[in-house]
Amino acid sequence: MSNTSLLMIVELGGYPDFSPIYRRAGFQVETVTSMRKALSLLKKNNYAMVVCEFNFQSDFRDRTSSLESMMAVLQVKPETRIIVFYEKEFAHQFERISSRFPFHAALRYPIDEQVLTDSVVSVRK
């Protein structure tokens, strides 16, 4: 894969900065802190990988999170691999999305750094 761009979307955070893992795997990392900014970038640019969070939002009328908006944008970019972090207590809500969209990896908190590394490296092969 020649594209080495990775978009890291950190809306809530609360976990270690994994950008060194992404850089060691050969990615050029860009970080944003809002899905709105991410959606703008995803429409304009091609990324080899997106790493993001599933943040369940019960106040949404027609969806469960902004992750669904992102996946709608990425449907026209099937080459982009997506890694999603999610909370154990929202696994049921996440399953509804993961059954509809293809994710390269879905990692539950706390994130196992070796599993993340393996998932990231497998995209570069």
N, C-alpha and C. Protein backbone atom coordinates (compact mmCIF):
# COMPACT_ATOMS: atom_id res chain seq x y z
N MET A 1 0.85 -1.17 0.00
CA MET A 1 0.00 0.00 0.00
C MET A 1 0.90 1.24 0.00
N SER A 2 0.72 2.11 -0.99
CA SER A 2 1.60 3.27 -1.10
C SER A 2 1.13 4.46 -0.26
N ASN A 3 -0.16 4.56 0.00
CA ASN A 3 -0.68 5.65 0.82
C ASN A 3 -0.27 5.40 2.27
N THR A 4 0.37 6.38 2.87
CA THR A 4 0.82 6.22 4.26
C THR A 4 0.17 7.22 5.20
N SER A 5 -0.96 7.78 4.79
CA SER A 5 -1.65 8.77 5.62
C SER A 5 -2.61 8.08 6.58
N LEU A 6 -2.55 8.49 7.84
CA LEU A 6 -3.43 7.96 8.87
C LEU A 6 -4.10 9.14 9.57
N LEU A 7 -5.42 9.07 9.68
CA LEU A 7 -6.16 10.09 10.39
C LEU A 7 -6.58 9.52 11.74
N MET A 8 -6.15 10.20 12.79
CA MET A 8 -6.47 9.80 14.16
C MET A 8 -7.52 10.79 14.68
N ILE A 9 -8.72 10.26 15.00
CA ILE A 9 -9.81 11.11 15.49
C ILE A 9 -9.95 10.84 16.98
N VAL A 10 -9.58 11.84 17.77
CA VAL A 10 -9.62 11.72 19.24
C VAL A 10 -10.64 12.71 19.76
N GLU A 11 -11.88 12.24 19.94
CA GLU A 11 -12.93 13.12 20.42
C GLU A 11 -12.95 13.19 21.95
N LEU A 12 -12.94 12.04 22.59
CA LEU A 12 -12.98 11.99 24.05
C LEU A 12 -11.62 11.68 24.66
N GLY A 13 -10.87 10.81 24.02
CA GLY A 13 -9.55 10.44 24.52
C GLY A 13 -9.64 9.65 25.81
N GLY A 14 -8.72 9.94 26.72
CA GLY A 14 -8.68 9.21 27.98
C GLY A 14 -7.88 7.93 27.88
N TYR A 15 -7.10 7.79 26.84
CA TYR A 15 -6.23 6.64 26.64
C TYR A 15 -4.89 7.16 26.14
N PRO A 16 -3.86 6.31 26.16
CA PRO A 16 -2.53 6.77 25.74
C PRO A 16 -2.51 7.28 24.30
N ASP A 17 -1.55 8.11 24.00
CA ASP A 17 -1.33 8.57 22.63
C ASP A 17 -0.66 7.43 21.87
N PHE A 18 -1.36 6.85 20.92
CA PHE A 18 -0.83 5.71 20.17
C PHE A 18 -0.12 6.12 18.89
N SER A 19 0.06 7.41 18.67
CA SER A 19 0.69 7.84 17.42
C SER A 19 2.10 7.26 17.23
N PRO A 20 2.90 7.00 18.29
CA PRO A 20 4.19 6.35 18.03
C PRO A 20 4.04 4.96 17.38
N ILE A 21 3.00 4.24 17.73
CA ILE A 21 2.75 2.93 17.10
C ILE A 21 2.49 3.12 15.61
N TYR A 22 1.68 4.11 15.28
CA TYR A 22 1.34 4.36 13.88
C TYR A 22 2.56 4.81 13.09
N ARG A 23 3.38 5.66 13.71
CA ARG A 23 4.58 6.13 13.01
C ARG A 23 5.60 5.00 12.80
N ARG A 24 5.76 4.15 13.82
CA ARG A 24 6.68 3.01 13.67
C ARG A 24 6.24 2.08 12.53
N ALA A 25 4.95 2.03 12.28
CA ALA A 25 4.42 1.20 11.19
C ALA A 25 4.55 1.90 9.84
N GLY A 26 5.06 3.14 9.84
CA GLY A 26 5.31 3.84 8.60
C GLY A 26 4.23 4.83 8.17
N PHE A 27 3.33 5.16 9.07
CA PHE A 27 2.25 6.09 8.73
C PHE A 27 2.62 7.53 9.08
N GLN A 28 2.11 8.45 8.27
CA GLN A 28 2.17 9.86 8.58
C GLN A 28 0.85 10.19 9.27
N VAL A 29 0.93 10.65 10.51
CA VAL A 29 -0.25 10.79 11.35
C VAL A 29 -0.77 12.23 11.37
N GLU A 30 -2.06 12.35 11.17
CA GLU A 30 -2.75 13.62 11.32
C GLU A 30 -3.82 13.41 12.39
N THR A 31 -3.92 14.35 13.33
CA THR A 31 -4.86 14.20 14.43
C THR A 31 -5.90 15.32 14.42
N VAL A 32 -7.15 14.94 14.65
CA VAL A 32 -8.22 15.93 14.83
C VAL A 32 -9.00 15.56 16.10
N THR A 33 -9.67 16.55 16.66
CA THR A 33 -10.39 16.32 17.91
C THR A 33 -11.91 16.45 17.77
N SER A 34 -12.39 16.51 16.55
CA SER A 34 -13.84 16.56 16.35
C SER A 34 -14.20 15.78 15.09
N MET A 35 -15.35 15.15 15.12
CA MET A 35 -15.81 14.41 13.95
C MET A 35 -16.14 15.36 12.82
N ARG A 36 -16.60 16.53 13.14
CA ARG A 36 -16.91 17.52 12.09
C ARG A 36 -15.66 17.83 11.26
N LYS A 37 -14.54 18.09 11.92
CA LYS A 37 -13.28 18.35 11.21
C LYS A 37 -12.84 17.10 10.45
N ALA A 38 -13.01 15.93 11.06
CA ALA A 38 -12.62 14.67 10.40
C ALA A 38 -13.42 14.46 9.12
N LEU A 39 -14.72 14.72 9.18
CA LEU A 39 -15.56 14.52 7.99
C LEU A 39 -15.11 15.43 6.86
N SER A 40 -14.76 16.65 7.19
CA SER A 40 -14.27 17.58 6.18
C SER A 40 -12.99 17.05 5.53
N LEU A 41 -12.05 16.58 6.35
CA LEU A 41 -10.80 16.04 5.82
C LEU A 41 -11.03 14.77 5.01
N LEU A 42 -11.91 13.90 5.48
CA LEU A 42 -12.16 12.64 4.78
C LEU A 42 -12.80 12.86 3.41
N LYS A 43 -13.57 13.91 3.28
CA LYS A 43 -14.17 14.21 1.97
C LYS A 43 -13.13 14.70 0.98
N LYS A 44 -12.10 15.38 1.48
CA LYS A 44 -11.10 16.00 0.60
C LYS A 44 -9.86 15.14 0.37
N ASN A 45 -9.55 14.25 1.31
CA ASN A 45 -8.28 13.51 1.26
C ASN A 45 -8.51 12.00 1.28
N ASN A 46 -7.49 11.28 0.84
CA ASN A 46 -7.52 9.83 0.93
C ASN A 46 -6.56 9.39 2.02
N TYR A 47 -7.07 8.59 2.93
CA TYR A 47 -6.27 8.05 4.03
C TYR A 47 -6.20 6.54 3.89
N ALA A 48 -5.04 6.00 4.20
CA ALA A 48 -4.91 4.54 4.22
C ALA A 48 -5.65 3.97 5.42
N MET A 49 -5.64 4.74 6.51
CA MET A 49 -6.26 4.25 7.74
C MET A 49 -6.86 5.41 8.53
N VAL A 50 -7.95 5.08 9.22
CA VAL A 50 -8.57 6.00 10.17
C VAL A 50 -8.69 5.25 11.49
N VAL A 51 -8.24 5.88 12.56
CA VAL A 51 -8.40 5.32 13.91
C VAL A 51 -9.32 6.27 14.65
N CYS A 52 -10.41 5.72 15.19
CA CYS A 52 -11.42 6.58 15.81
C CYS A 52 -12.07 5.88 17.00
N GLU A 53 -12.94 6.61 17.66
CA GLU A 53 -13.65 6.11 18.83
C GLU A 53 -15.12 5.94 18.50
N PHE A 54 -15.74 4.92 19.09
CA PHE A 54 -17.19 4.81 19.05
C PHE A 54 -17.70 5.44 20.33
N ASN A 55 -18.37 6.57 20.17
CA ASN A 55 -18.93 7.29 21.32
C ASN A 55 -20.45 7.24 21.19
N PHE A 56 -21.06 6.34 21.93
CA PHE A 56 -22.51 6.18 21.88
C PHE A 56 -23.19 7.47 22.31
N GLN A 57 -24.15 7.91 21.49
CA GLN A 57 -24.86 9.14 21.77
C GLN A 57 -26.36 8.86 21.69
N SER A 58 -26.99 8.65 22.83
CA SER A 58 -28.40 8.28 22.87
C SER A 58 -29.32 9.41 22.43
N ASP A 59 -28.82 10.65 22.36
CA ASP A 59 -29.66 11.76 21.97
C ASP A 59 -29.83 11.90 20.46
N PHE A 60 -29.09 11.11 19.67
CA PHE A 60 -29.27 11.15 18.22
C PHE A 60 -30.59 10.48 17.87
N ARG A 61 -31.34 11.10 17.00
CA ARG A 61 -32.66 10.57 16.63
C ARG A 61 -32.54 9.38 15.66
N ASP A 62 -31.67 9.49 14.67
CA ASP A 62 -31.64 8.50 13.60
C ASP A 62 -30.37 7.64 13.55
N ARG A 63 -29.50 7.78 14.52
CA ARG A 63 -28.28 6.98 14.54
C ARG A 63 -27.76 6.91 15.98
N THR A 64 -26.71 6.11 16.19
CA THR A 64 -26.21 5.93 17.55
C THR A 64 -24.94 6.72 17.84
N SER A 65 -24.25 7.17 16.78
CA SER A 65 -23.03 7.94 17.00
C SER A 65 -22.61 8.64 15.71
N SER A 66 -21.65 9.53 15.83
CA SER A 66 -21.11 10.21 14.65
C SER A 66 -20.27 9.26 13.80
N LEU A 67 -19.94 8.10 14.34
CA LEU A 67 -19.21 7.08 13.57
C LEU A 67 -20.00 6.70 12.31
N GLU A 68 -21.31 6.67 12.42
CA GLU A 68 -22.13 6.33 11.25
C GLU A 68 -22.01 7.39 10.15
N SER A 69 -21.90 8.64 10.53
CA SER A 69 -21.70 9.70 9.54
C SER A 69 -20.37 9.51 8.84
N MET A 70 -19.34 9.17 9.61
CA MET A 70 -18.03 8.94 9.03
C MET A 70 -18.06 7.77 8.04
N MET A 71 -18.73 6.69 8.44
CA MET A 71 -18.78 5.52 7.57
C MET A 71 -19.54 5.81 6.28
N ALA A 72 -20.53 6.68 6.33
CA ALA A 72 -21.25 7.07 5.12
C ALA A 72 -20.31 7.78 4.15
N VAL A 73 -19.46 8.65 4.68
CA VAL A 73 -18.48 9.34 3.84
C VAL A 73 -17.47 8.35 3.25
N LEU A 74 -17.06 7.38 4.05
CA LEU A 74 -16.02 6.43 3.61
C LEU A 74 -16.54 5.31 2.71
N GLN A 75 -17.83 5.21 2.52
CA GLN A 75 -18.36 4.16 1.64
C GLN A 75 -17.82 4.28 0.22
N VAL A 76 -17.48 5.47 -0.20
CA VAL A 76 -16.93 5.66 -1.54
C VAL A 76 -15.41 5.49 -1.56
N LYS A 77 -14.82 5.15 -0.41
CA LYS A 77 -13.38 4.95 -0.29
C LYS A 77 -13.10 3.61 0.39
N PRO A 78 -13.47 2.51 -0.27
CA PRO A 78 -13.36 1.19 0.36
C PRO A 78 -11.93 0.76 0.69
N GLU A 79 -10.95 1.45 0.13
CA GLU A 79 -9.55 1.10 0.42
C GLU A 79 -9.11 1.60 1.80
N THR A 80 -9.84 2.52 2.38
CA THR A 80 -9.50 3.05 3.70
C THR A 80 -9.84 2.03 4.77
N ARG A 81 -8.87 1.71 5.61
CA ARG A 81 -9.08 0.76 6.71
C ARG A 81 -9.41 1.55 7.98
N ILE A 82 -10.35 1.01 8.75
CA ILE A 82 -10.82 1.70 9.94
C ILE A 82 -10.60 0.85 11.18
N ILE A 83 -9.98 1.45 12.18
CA ILE A 83 -9.84 0.82 13.50
C ILE A 83 -10.68 1.65 14.47
N VAL A 84 -11.52 0.96 15.22
CA VAL A 84 -12.43 1.63 16.15
C VAL A 84 -12.15 1.17 17.57
N PHE A 85 -12.10 2.12 18.48
CA PHE A 85 -12.01 1.84 19.92
C PHE A 85 -13.40 1.99 20.51
N TYR A 86 -13.78 1.11 21.43
CA TYR A 86 -15.11 1.21 22.03
C TYR A 86 -15.10 0.76 23.48
N GLU A 87 -16.08 1.24 24.23
CA GLU A 87 -16.25 0.91 25.64
C GLU A 87 -17.05 -0.38 25.78
N LYS A 88 -16.69 -1.19 26.76
CA LYS A 88 -17.39 -2.45 27.01
C LYS A 88 -18.88 -2.24 27.20
N GLU A 89 -19.26 -1.20 27.94
CA GLU A 89 -20.68 -1.00 28.22
C GLU A 89 -21.50 -0.59 26.99
N PHE A 90 -20.82 -0.20 25.92
CA PHE A 90 -21.52 0.15 24.69
C PHE A 90 -21.33 -0.89 23.59
N ALA A 91 -20.88 -2.07 23.96
CA ALA A 91 -20.63 -3.14 22.98
C ALA A 91 -21.89 -3.48 22.20
N HIS A 92 -23.02 -3.53 22.87
CA HIS A 92 -24.28 -3.88 22.19
C HIS A 92 -24.62 -2.85 21.11
N GLN A 93 -24.49 -1.57 21.43
CA GLN A 93 -24.77 -0.52 20.45
C GLN A 93 -23.75 -0.56 19.31
N PHE A 94 -22.49 -0.84 19.67
CA PHE A 94 -21.46 -0.91 18.64
C PHE A 94 -21.71 -2.08 17.69
N GLU A 95 -22.20 -3.19 18.20
CA GLU A 95 -22.48 -4.36 17.35
C GLU A 95 -23.47 -4.02 16.25
N ARG A 96 -24.42 -3.15 16.54
CA ARG A 96 -25.39 -2.76 15.50
C ARG A 96 -24.70 -2.05 14.35
N ILE A 97 -23.68 -1.27 14.65
CA ILE A 97 -22.94 -0.58 13.59
C ILE A 97 -21.96 -1.53 12.91
N SER A 98 -21.26 -2.33 13.71
CA SER A 98 -20.24 -3.21 13.12
C SER A 98 -20.86 -4.29 12.24
N SER A 99 -22.15 -4.58 12.42
CA SER A 99 -22.81 -5.54 11.54
C SER A 99 -23.14 -4.93 10.18
N ARG A 100 -23.11 -3.60 10.10
CA ARG A 100 -23.45 -2.90 8.85
C ARG A 100 -22.24 -2.35 8.11
N PHE A 101 -21.14 -2.13 8.82
CA PHE A 101 -19.98 -1.50 8.20
C PHE A 101 -18.73 -2.35 8.42
N PRO A 102 -17.83 -2.36 7.42
CA PRO A 102 -16.61 -3.15 7.55
C PRO A 102 -15.51 -2.40 8.30
N PHE A 103 -15.13 -2.92 9.44
CA PHE A 103 -14.02 -2.34 10.20
C PHE A 103 -12.83 -3.28 10.11
N HIS A 104 -11.66 -2.71 9.98
CA HIS A 104 -10.44 -3.52 9.96
C HIS A 104 -10.22 -4.16 11.32
N ALA A 105 -10.49 -3.39 12.37
CA ALA A 105 -10.36 -3.90 13.74
C ALA A 105 -11.26 -3.08 14.66
N ALA A 106 -11.79 -3.76 15.67
CA ALA A 106 -12.58 -3.11 16.71
C ALA A 106 -11.96 -3.53 18.04
N LEU A 107 -11.42 -2.56 18.77
CA LEU A 107 -10.66 -2.85 19.99
C LEU A 107 -11.37 -2.23 21.19
N ARG A 108 -11.58 -3.06 22.18
CA ARG A 108 -12.27 -2.61 23.39
C ARG A 108 -11.25 -2.05 24.38
N TYR A 109 -11.67 -0.99 25.09
CA TYR A 109 -10.83 -0.42 26.15
C TYR A 109 -10.70 -1.41 27.29
N PRO A 110 -9.58 -1.47 27.99
CA PRO A 110 -8.33 -0.77 27.66
C PRO A 110 -7.69 -1.40 26.42
N ILE A 111 -7.12 -0.58 25.60
CA ILE A 111 -6.56 -1.03 24.33
C ILE A 111 -5.28 -1.84 24.58
N ASP A 112 -5.26 -3.02 24.02
CA ASP A 112 -4.07 -3.88 24.07
C ASP A 112 -3.11 -3.37 22.99
N GLU A 113 -1.99 -2.82 23.40
CA GLU A 113 -1.07 -2.19 22.44
C GLU A 113 -0.52 -3.17 21.41
N GLN A 114 -0.33 -4.44 21.79
CA GLN A 114 0.17 -5.41 20.82
C GLN A 114 -0.87 -5.73 19.77
N VAL A 115 -2.11 -5.86 20.18
CA VAL A 115 -3.20 -6.11 19.22
C VAL A 115 -3.34 -4.91 18.29
N LEU A 116 -3.26 -3.70 18.84
CA LEU A 116 -3.31 -2.50 18.01
C LEU A 116 -2.15 -2.48 17.02
N THR A 117 -0.95 -2.74 17.51
CA THR A 117 0.23 -2.77 16.65
C THR A 117 0.05 -3.78 15.52
N ASP A 118 -0.40 -4.98 15.85
CA ASP A 118 -0.61 -6.01 14.83
C ASP A 118 -1.65 -5.56 13.80
N SER A 119 -2.70 -4.92 14.26
CA SER A 119 -3.75 -4.45 13.34
C SER A 119 -3.22 -3.37 12.40
N VAL A 120 -2.43 -2.47 12.95
CA VAL A 120 -1.87 -1.38 12.15
C VAL A 120 -0.86 -1.91 11.15
N VAL A 121 0.02 -2.77 11.60
CA VAL A 121 1.07 -3.32 10.72
C VAL A 121 0.45 -4.13 9.59
N SER A 122 -0.64 -4.83 9.85
CA SER A 122 -1.25 -5.66 8.81
C SER A 122 -1.78 -4.81 7.64
N VAL A 123 -2.10 -3.56 7.89
CA VAL A 123 -2.56 -2.68 6.81
C VAL A 123 -1.38 -2.30 5.90
N ARG A 124 -0.22 -2.18 6.44
CA ARG A 124 0.97 -1.77 5.67
C ARG A 124 1.54 -2.89 4.82
N LYS A 125 1.13 -4.11 5.07
CA LYS A 125 1.68 -5.24 4.30
C LYS A 125 1.06 -5.35 2.93
